[in-house]
Protein backbone atom coordinates (compact mmCIF):
# COMPACT_ATOMS: atom_id res chain seq x y z
CA MET A 1 53.11 22.25 9.72
CA ALA A 2 51.72 23.92 6.18
CA ASN A 3 51.37 27.82 5.86
CA ASN A 4 46.81 27.13 6.19
CA ASP A 5 47.54 25.28 9.26
CA LYS A 6 49.06 27.83 10.80
CA SER A 7 46.51 30.14 10.11
CA GLN A 8 43.90 27.97 11.72
CA LEU A 9 45.59 27.74 15.22
CA GLU A 10 46.02 31.46 15.10
CA LYS A 11 42.01 32.02 14.42
CA ILE A 12 41.21 29.47 16.85
CA ASN A 13 43.84 31.13 19.49
CA LYS A 14 42.22 34.71 19.03
CA ALA A 15 39.25 33.40 19.19
CA LEU A 16 39.83 31.87 22.44
CA GLU A 17 41.76 34.74 23.96
CA LYS A 18 38.57 36.70 23.08
CA HIS A 19 36.73 34.45 25.69
CA GLY A 20 40.12 34.89 28.47
CA ILE A 21 40.64 31.00 27.43
CA PHE A 22 45.42 31.57 27.06
CA ASN A 23 46.32 28.56 28.51
CA GLU A 24 45.91 24.83 27.61
CA GLU A 25 44.64 24.20 31.69
CA GLN A 26 41.81 27.72 30.78
CA LEU A 27 41.10 25.48 27.73
CA TYR A 28 40.20 22.59 30.20
CA GLU A 29 38.66 24.08 33.11
CA ALA A 30 36.42 25.65 30.32
CA ILE A 31 35.10 22.67 28.86
CA LYS A 32 34.25 21.40 32.22
CA ASN A 33 31.96 23.99 33.05
CA MET A 34 30.39 24.33 29.64
CA LYS A 35 26.57 23.67 29.53
CA PRO A 36 25.47 20.67 27.66
CA LEU A 37 25.05 21.06 23.62
CA ASN A 38 21.27 19.99 21.95
CA ILE A 39 22.99 19.64 18.66
CA GLY A 40 20.21 17.86 17.01
CA CYS A 41 19.28 21.42 15.38
CA MET A 42 22.86 20.77 13.27
CA VAL A 43 21.71 17.31 11.82
CA SER A 44 19.54 16.51 8.84
CA PRO A 45 17.05 13.28 9.97
CA VAL A 46 17.59 9.40 8.74
CA PRO A 47 14.68 7.57 6.81
CA PRO A 48 14.35 4.50 8.30
CA CYS A 49 16.57 1.75 5.84
CA LYS A 50 13.86 -0.97 3.52
CA LYS A 51 14.44 -3.79 4.90
CA ARG A 52 15.02 -6.46 1.98
């Protein structure tokens, strides 16, 4: 595993620990209990394709 990958994993682990998630079981439980996300605000509309 590259050094950069380890650094990224450490950052992810620290962020999860801030929310009380310390193992895989707790992560799955947190995901299961999440409210649905509205990702509509995160995407740009795509113009309709012109017919040939």
